[in-house]
Amino acid sequence: MAFKFAFLGCWHSHTGMHVRESTANPSEFELVGIYDNDPVVVAERREQWDAHVFPSIEAVLDSDIDAVVVEGRIFENLDYAEQALKAGKHVLLEKPAGVDLDHLKRVQALSLEKDLCLQMAYMWRYNPAIHEMIRLVKAGTLGDIFYYRGHIPKPKGWHKQIGEEIGYYHGAVYYEMGGHLVDLMVILMGRPKHVHPMLGKHYGDQRHIDNAVVVHEFENGLGTIDTAAMHIESGKTRRIEVYGTQGTAIHTPIGSNNLSLCLELEAEGYSAGWHDLEIPSSENSSTLLRELVACIGGKKAPDYALSHDLDVQETLFAGCGIKDGKALK
């Protein structure tokens, strides 16, 4: 029987990947319907997907779905997640994890109290090339990691959305974009000791953060993450670089299957030297939905604990210059 889910909030562009996956694998997943409190968003999504529209949050939670995928606006999402957990539904939560750290902690505690899954939708965790990069780091193949760099630009045509959609969050473009790369950095290097944000307002009306470089200090290394919203392109130059005492791993563009490795020694099936690889996907590759289903079914423990997700959110907040745990201005 297919795993049934519904969207609580469907504003975010990442909704599309879950719809594509359920359409491609109807024996595994069924999108039962959608809900959003914005009628414009609902009309757009209904036209895109020909999906059933629930009239209310209560109607979603009273249905026979197994889980909700929360894809509303960032400031709405923890409220959606909390209501779903109280109703006994598992939750896949879009990044970043809301706008209030205390609220996130309460929602995480609720998921433990109710014995329900609460997982974050950082989809690049399961990209084949990034997954292999993580595996090699965990295996010690790259030695001691001393530097991580993440570069995730946005095109200047997107710049106007800062004022329309994300300007009311501290950090603005970094708050919206940085979480993906913070997540991977914390996976690879742990929680940083210190975070040093450099946040600029450099393009257009210069009202909101649109240019950011954040430096993270670890016990034995550094990590930098940068983003800006005035690039002439935003796809091909996106990259993740990991440097260790025994090897280097570079993934670019982010989301592709490309992985470049340079190893000091033969290890994990790779010879010493440079390798420009394309890591293949498979029909059974891990995805966010498959991870959720497996954890709900008791087939495995979550790959990433709630404590990891909290570390990511706290590190992201620090990178945005947030000191009081509240992202809304």
Protein backbone atom coordinates (compact mmCIF):
# COMPACT_ATOMS: atom_id res chain seq x y z
CA MET A 1 0.00 0.00 0.00
CA ALA A 2 1.32 3.43 -0.92
CA PHE A 3 2.46 5.84 1.78
CA LYS A 4 -0.11 8.63 1.99
CA PHE A 5 0.93 12.22 2.61
CA ALA A 6 -0.51 15.71 2.25
CA PHE A 7 0.97 19.18 2.11
CA LEU A 8 0.34 21.50 5.04
CA GLY A 9 1.38 24.68 3.32
CA CYS A 10 2.51 24.40 -0.29
CA TRP A 11 4.08 27.80 -0.95
CA HIS A 12 7.69 26.59 -1.15
CA SER A 13 9.21 25.66 -4.51
CA HIS A 14 10.50 22.38 -3.04
CA THR A 15 6.96 20.99 -3.12
CA GLY A 16 7.63 20.03 -6.72
CA MET A 17 10.26 17.40 -5.90
CA HIS A 18 7.85 15.49 -3.65
CA VAL A 19 5.12 15.61 -6.29
CA ARG A 20 7.53 14.37 -8.96
CA GLU A 21 8.67 11.52 -6.73
CA SER A 22 5.14 10.42 -5.88
CA THR A 23 4.10 10.62 -9.54
CA ALA A 24 7.11 8.55 -10.61
CA ASN A 25 6.55 5.97 -7.84
CA PRO A 26 2.78 5.57 -7.37
CA SER A 27 3.17 2.20 -5.68
CA GLU A 28 5.30 3.87 -2.98
CA PHE A 29 3.74 7.30 -2.44
CA GLU A 30 0.36 8.95 -2.80
CA LEU A 31 -0.22 12.70 -2.54
CA VAL A 32 -3.70 12.80 -1.01
CA GLY A 33 -4.14 16.55 -1.15
CA ILE A 34 -2.90 20.02 -0.34
CA TYR A 35 -3.70 22.88 2.00
CA ASP A 36 -2.47 26.45 2.11
CA ASN A 37 -4.05 29.53 3.65
CA ASP A 38 -3.20 31.63 0.58
CA PRO A 39 -5.79 31.15 -2.19
CA VAL A 40 -3.30 32.34 -4.82
CA VAL A 41 -0.87 29.58 -3.85
CA VAL A 42 -3.69 27.01 -3.82
CA ALA A 43 -4.87 28.03 -7.29
CA GLU A 44 -1.35 27.77 -8.71
CA ARG A 45 -0.69 24.37 -7.18
CA ARG A 46 -4.09 22.95 -8.15
CA GLU A 47 -3.44 23.96 -11.75
CA GLN A 48 0.05 22.46 -11.67
CA TRP A 49 -0.85 19.15 -10.08
CA ASP A 50 -4.63 18.71 -10.37
CA ALA A 51 -4.52 17.91 -6.65
CA HIS A 52 -7.35 17.61 -4.16
CA VAL A 53 -7.60 20.76 -2.04
CA PHE A 54 -8.43 20.40 1.64
CA PRO A 55 -10.67 23.19 2.95
CA SER A 56 -8.91 23.46 6.31
CA ILE A 57 -5.99 22.28 8.42
CA GLU A 58 -8.44 20.18 10.42
CA ALA A 59 -9.59 18.40 7.26
CA VAL A 60 -5.99 17.48 6.45
CA LEU A 61 -5.35 16.15 9.93
CA ASP A 62 -8.65 14.24 10.10
CA SER A 63 -7.83 12.37 6.87
CA ASP A 64 -6.19 8.95 6.66
CA ILE A 65 -2.76 10.28 5.67
CA ASP A 66 0.39 8.83 7.23
CA ALA A 67 2.31 12.11 7.34
CA VAL A 68 2.33 15.76 6.38
CA VAL A 69 4.98 17.52 4.36
CA VAL A 70 5.18 21.09 5.63
CA GLU A 71 6.01 23.51 2.81
CA GLY A 72 4.46 26.83 3.84
CA ARG A 73 6.16 30.14 4.41
CA ILE A 74 8.96 29.84 6.93
CA PHE A 75 7.17 31.74 9.69
CA GLU A 76 4.14 29.41 9.38
CA ASN A 77 5.87 26.07 9.32
CA LEU A 78 6.46 25.29 12.99
CA ASP A 79 2.80 26.04 13.71
CA TYR A 80 1.81 23.58 10.98
CA ALA A 81 4.24 20.97 12.30
CA GLU A 82 3.02 21.38 15.87
CA GLN A 83 -0.63 20.93 14.88
CA ALA A 84 0.23 17.84 12.85
CA LEU A 85 2.16 16.22 15.69
CA LYS A 86 -0.66 16.94 18.15
CA ALA A 87 -2.99 15.15 15.71
CA GLY A 88 -0.69 12.11 15.61
CA LYS A 89 0.84 12.71 12.17
CA HIS A 90 4.49 12.32 11.27
CA VAL A 91 6.16 15.42 9.79
CA LEU A 92 8.67 16.25 7.07
CA LEU A 93 9.54 19.91 7.65
CA GLU A 94 10.90 22.30 5.04
CA LYS A 95 14.08 24.22 5.83
CA PRO A 96 14.93 26.32 7.70
CA ALA A 97 13.23 24.99 10.81
CA GLY A 98 11.02 27.97 11.58
CA VAL A 99 11.69 31.39 13.05
CA ASP A 100 11.92 30.77 16.81
CA LEU A 101 14.43 28.46 18.49
CA ASP A 102 12.32 27.95 21.61
CA HIS A 103 9.36 26.97 19.42
CA LEU A 104 11.54 24.49 17.52
CA LYS A 105 12.67 22.93 20.80
CA ARG A 106 9.04 22.56 21.91
CA VAL A 107 8.07 20.95 18.62
CA GLN A 108 11.01 18.56 18.81
CA ALA A 109 10.06 17.64 22.38
CA LEU A 110 6.47 17.04 21.24
CA SER A 111 7.64 14.63 18.53
CA LEU A 112 9.54 12.63 21.15
CA GLU A 113 6.61 12.69 23.57
CA LYS A 114 4.24 11.43 20.84
CA ASP A 115 6.83 8.99 19.40
CA LEU A 116 6.43 10.54 15.95
CA CYS A 117 8.99 11.28 13.27
CA LEU A 118 10.00 14.90 12.74
CA GLN A 119 12.52 15.14 9.92
CA MET A 120 14.04 18.04 8.03
CA ALA A 121 13.73 18.39 4.26
CA TYR A 122 17.38 19.10 3.50
CA MET A 123 17.21 17.19 0.21
CA TRP A 124 20.89 17.39 -0.71
CA ARG A 125 21.72 14.93 2.07
CA TYR A 126 20.58 12.25 -0.38
CA ASN A 127 22.12 13.57 -3.57
CA PRO A 128 24.31 10.64 -4.76
CA ALA A 129 27.50 12.69 -5.09
CA ILE A 130 27.06 14.43 -1.74
CA HIS A 131 26.07 11.14 -0.11
CA GLU A 132 29.34 9.64 -1.34
CA MET A 133 31.26 12.68 -0.09
CA ILE A 134 29.71 12.22 3.35
CA ARG A 135 30.50 8.49 3.31
CA LEU A 136 34.16 9.12 2.48
CA VAL A 137 34.52 11.72 5.21
CA LYS A 138 32.90 9.42 7.79
CA ALA A 139 35.19 6.58 6.67
CA GLY A 140 38.25 8.77 7.28
CA THR A 141 39.31 8.60 3.63
CA LEU A 142 39.96 12.35 3.46
CA GLY A 143 41.83 12.41 6.78
CA ASP A 144 41.17 15.23 9.22
CA ILE A 145 38.87 17.83 7.67
CA PHE A 146 40.37 21.29 8.08
CA TYR A 147 38.33 23.38 5.63
CA TYR A 148 34.81 23.37 4.22
CA ARG A 149 33.54 25.84 1.68
CA GLY A 150 29.99 26.20 0.42
CA HIS A 151 29.00 28.65 -2.34
CA ILE A 152 25.30 29.02 -3.16
CA PRO A 153 24.49 32.10 -5.29
CA LYS A 154 21.14 33.44 -6.43
CA PRO A 155 20.59 35.39 -9.69
CA LYS A 156 19.90 39.11 -9.61
CA GLY A 157 16.53 38.49 -11.25
CA TRP A 158 15.52 36.89 -7.94
CA HIS A 159 16.68 39.91 -5.93
CA LYS A 160 13.26 41.53 -5.77
CA GLN A 161 11.94 38.52 -3.84
CA ILE A 162 14.12 39.52 -0.90
CA GLY A 163 11.84 42.46 -0.24
CA GLU A 164 8.67 40.56 -1.16
CA GLU A 165 9.23 37.31 0.71
CA ILE A 166 12.34 37.09 2.91
CA GLY A 167 13.33 40.63 3.85
CA TYR A 168 11.47 40.30 7.15
CA TYR A 169 13.91 37.65 8.35
CA HIS A 170 17.24 38.58 9.91
CA GLY A 171 19.95 37.58 7.46
CA ALA A 172 17.50 37.66 4.51
CA VAL A 173 19.25 35.86 1.64
CA TYR A 174 21.57 33.95 4.00
CA TYR A 175 18.63 32.85 6.14
CA GLU A 176 16.83 31.51 3.07
CA MET A 177 19.80 29.89 1.31
CA GLY A 178 22.45 29.12 3.92
CA GLY A 179 20.70 26.28 5.70
CA HIS A 180 21.43 23.66 3.06
CA LEU A 181 25.16 24.24 3.33
CA VAL A 182 25.14 24.66 7.10
CA ASP A 183 23.46 21.25 7.33
CA LEU A 184 26.16 19.58 5.26
CA MET A 185 28.96 21.42 7.08
CA VAL A 186 27.66 20.26 10.47
CA ILE A 187 27.34 16.70 9.13
CA LEU A 188 30.97 16.77 8.04
CA MET A 189 32.62 18.87 10.77
CA GLY A 190 30.24 19.01 13.71
CA ARG A 191 28.96 22.08 15.50
CA PRO A 192 31.27 25.11 15.21
CA LYS A 193 32.76 26.77 18.29
CA HIS A 194 32.37 30.29 16.94
CA VAL A 195 30.48 31.88 14.04
CA HIS A 196 31.52 35.16 12.40
CA PRO A 197 28.94 36.63 9.98
CA MET A 198 29.75 39.31 7.44
CA LEU A 199 26.43 40.52 6.06
CA GLY A 200 26.10 43.18 3.37
CA LYS A 201 23.40 45.21 1.62
CA HIS A 202 25.06 45.90 -1.70
CA TYR A 203 22.59 45.83 -4.60
CA GLY A 204 19.34 47.49 -5.60
CA ASP A 205 17.64 49.48 -2.85
CA GLN A 206 20.14 48.11 -0.28
CA ARG A 207 17.41 47.58 2.33
CA HIS A 208 17.99 43.88 3.06
CA ILE A 209 20.95 41.52 3.39
CA ASP A 210 21.84 40.35 -0.12
CA ASN A 211 25.55 39.49 0.16
CA ALA A 212 26.91 37.25 2.91
CA VAL A 213 30.08 35.43 3.89
CA VAL A 214 30.03 33.53 7.17
CA VAL A 215 33.15 32.04 8.76
CA HIS A 216 32.82 29.12 11.18
CA GLU A 217 35.57 28.12 13.61
CA PHE A 218 35.95 24.47 14.60
CA GLU A 219 38.42 22.84 16.96
CA ASN A 220 40.72 21.88 14.08
CA GLY A 221 39.38 23.68 11.05
CA LEU A 222 37.38 26.41 9.38
CA GLY A 223 34.24 26.53 7.29
CA THR A 224 33.00 29.33 5.07
CA ILE A 225 29.60 29.67 3.45
CA ASP A 226 28.76 32.47 1.05
CA THR A 227 25.73 33.58 -0.90
CA ALA A 228 24.66 36.67 -2.78
CA ALA A 229 21.55 37.62 -4.72
CA MET A 230 23.06 39.58 -7.59
CA HIS A 231 24.90 36.96 -9.64
CA ILE A 232 24.38 36.81 -13.39
CA GLU A 233 23.74 33.08 -12.98
CA SER A 234 23.15 30.80 -10.04
CA GLY A 235 23.49 27.23 -11.22
CA LYS A 236 26.84 26.18 -12.60
CA THR A 237 28.99 27.86 -9.94
CA ARG A 238 27.21 26.44 -6.91
CA ARG A 239 29.72 24.22 -5.14
CA ILE A 240 30.79 22.38 -2.02
CA GLU A 241 34.49 21.88 -1.30
CA VAL A 242 35.89 19.67 1.46
CA TYR A 243 39.60 19.62 2.26
CA GLY A 244 41.26 17.06 4.50
CA THR A 245 44.80 16.05 5.40
CA GLN A 246 44.55 13.01 3.10
CA GLY A 247 42.15 14.12 0.41
CA THR A 248 39.95 16.69 -1.30
CA ALA A 249 36.34 16.37 -2.46
CA ILE A 250 34.59 18.92 -4.68
CA HIS A 251 30.95 18.79 -5.79
CA THR A 252 29.81 21.23 -8.46
CA PRO A 253 27.27 22.25 -9.51
CA ILE A 254 25.33 21.42 -6.37
CA GLY A 255 22.58 18.96 -7.16
CA SER A 256 24.43 17.27 -10.01
CA ASN A 257 25.98 13.80 -9.83
CA ASN A 258 29.49 15.23 -10.20
CA LEU A 259 32.21 14.52 -7.65
CA SER A 260 35.91 15.31 -8.02
CA LEU A 261 38.25 13.51 -5.63
CA CYS A 262 41.95 13.81 -4.99
CA LEU A 263 43.33 11.16 -2.62
CA GLU A 264 46.76 10.89 -1.11
CA LEU A 265 46.42 7.12 -0.71
CA GLU A 266 44.37 4.35 -2.27
CA ALA A 267 41.20 3.88 -0.24
CA GLU A 268 37.55 2.81 -0.45
CA GLY A 269 37.99 1.45 -3.96
CA TYR A 270 39.65 4.60 -5.31
CA SER A 271 43.28 4.83 -6.36
CA ALA A 272 45.50 7.70 -5.27
CA GLY A 273 45.31 10.91 -7.31
CA TRP A 274 42.52 12.78 -9.06
CA HIS A 275 39.17 11.29 -10.07
CA ASP A 276 36.44 13.17 -11.91
CA LEU A 277 33.39 11.05 -11.21
CA GLU A 278 29.69 10.92 -11.96
CA ILE A 279 28.03 9.08 -9.09
CA PRO A 280 24.99 7.27 -10.51
CA SER A 281 21.51 7.38 -9.05
CA SER A 282 19.53 4.19 -8.70
CA GLU A 283 15.83 3.45 -8.63
CA ASN A 284 16.18 2.61 -4.95
CA SER A 285 18.35 5.58 -3.94
CA SER A 286 17.52 7.16 -0.60
CA THR A 287 15.27 10.22 -0.68
CA LEU A 288 13.62 12.35 1.96
CA LEU A 289 10.32 10.50 1.57
CA ARG A 290 11.94 7.06 1.58
CA GLU A 291 13.91 7.94 4.70
CA LEU A 292 10.71 9.08 6.40
CA VAL A 293 8.82 5.92 5.42
CA ALA A 294 11.63 3.65 6.61
CA CYS A 295 11.86 5.41 9.97
CA ILE A 296 8.09 5.39 10.50
CA GLY A 297 8.05 1.68 9.71
CA GLY A 298 10.79 0.98 12.25
CA LYS A 299 13.15 -0.33 9.59
CA LYS A 300 15.92 2.05 10.63
CA ALA A 301 16.82 4.88 12.95
CA PRO A 302 16.84 8.38 11.43
CA ASP A 303 20.06 9.26 9.64
CA TYR A 304 20.03 12.64 11.40
CA ALA A 305 18.96 13.15 14.99
CA LEU A 306 16.85 16.01 16.30
CA SER A 307 19.97 17.28 18.09
CA HIS A 308 21.73 17.60 14.72
CA ASP A 309 18.81 19.56 13.27
CA LEU A 310 18.88 21.89 16.29
CA ASP A 311 22.64 22.40 15.88
CA VAL A 312 22.03 23.32 12.24
CA GLN A 313 19.31 25.83 13.10
CA GLU A 314 21.35 27.43 15.88
CA THR A 315 24.39 27.68 13.59
CA LEU A 316 22.26 29.23 10.85
CA PHE A 317 20.83 31.76 13.32
CA ALA A 318 24.34 32.68 14.45
CA GLY A 319 25.35 33.19 10.82
CA CYS A 320 22.43 35.59 10.40
CA GLY A 321 23.55 37.59 13.42
CA ILE A 322 20.55 36.46 15.47
CA LYS A 323 21.27 36.56 19.19
CA ASP A 324 17.82 36.24 20.78
CA GLY A 325 16.65 33.07 18.99
CA LYS A 326 14.08 34.90 16.87
CA ALA A 327 14.49 35.25 13.11
CA LEU A 328 11.62 37.64 12.43
CA LYS A 329 12.59 41.31 12.51
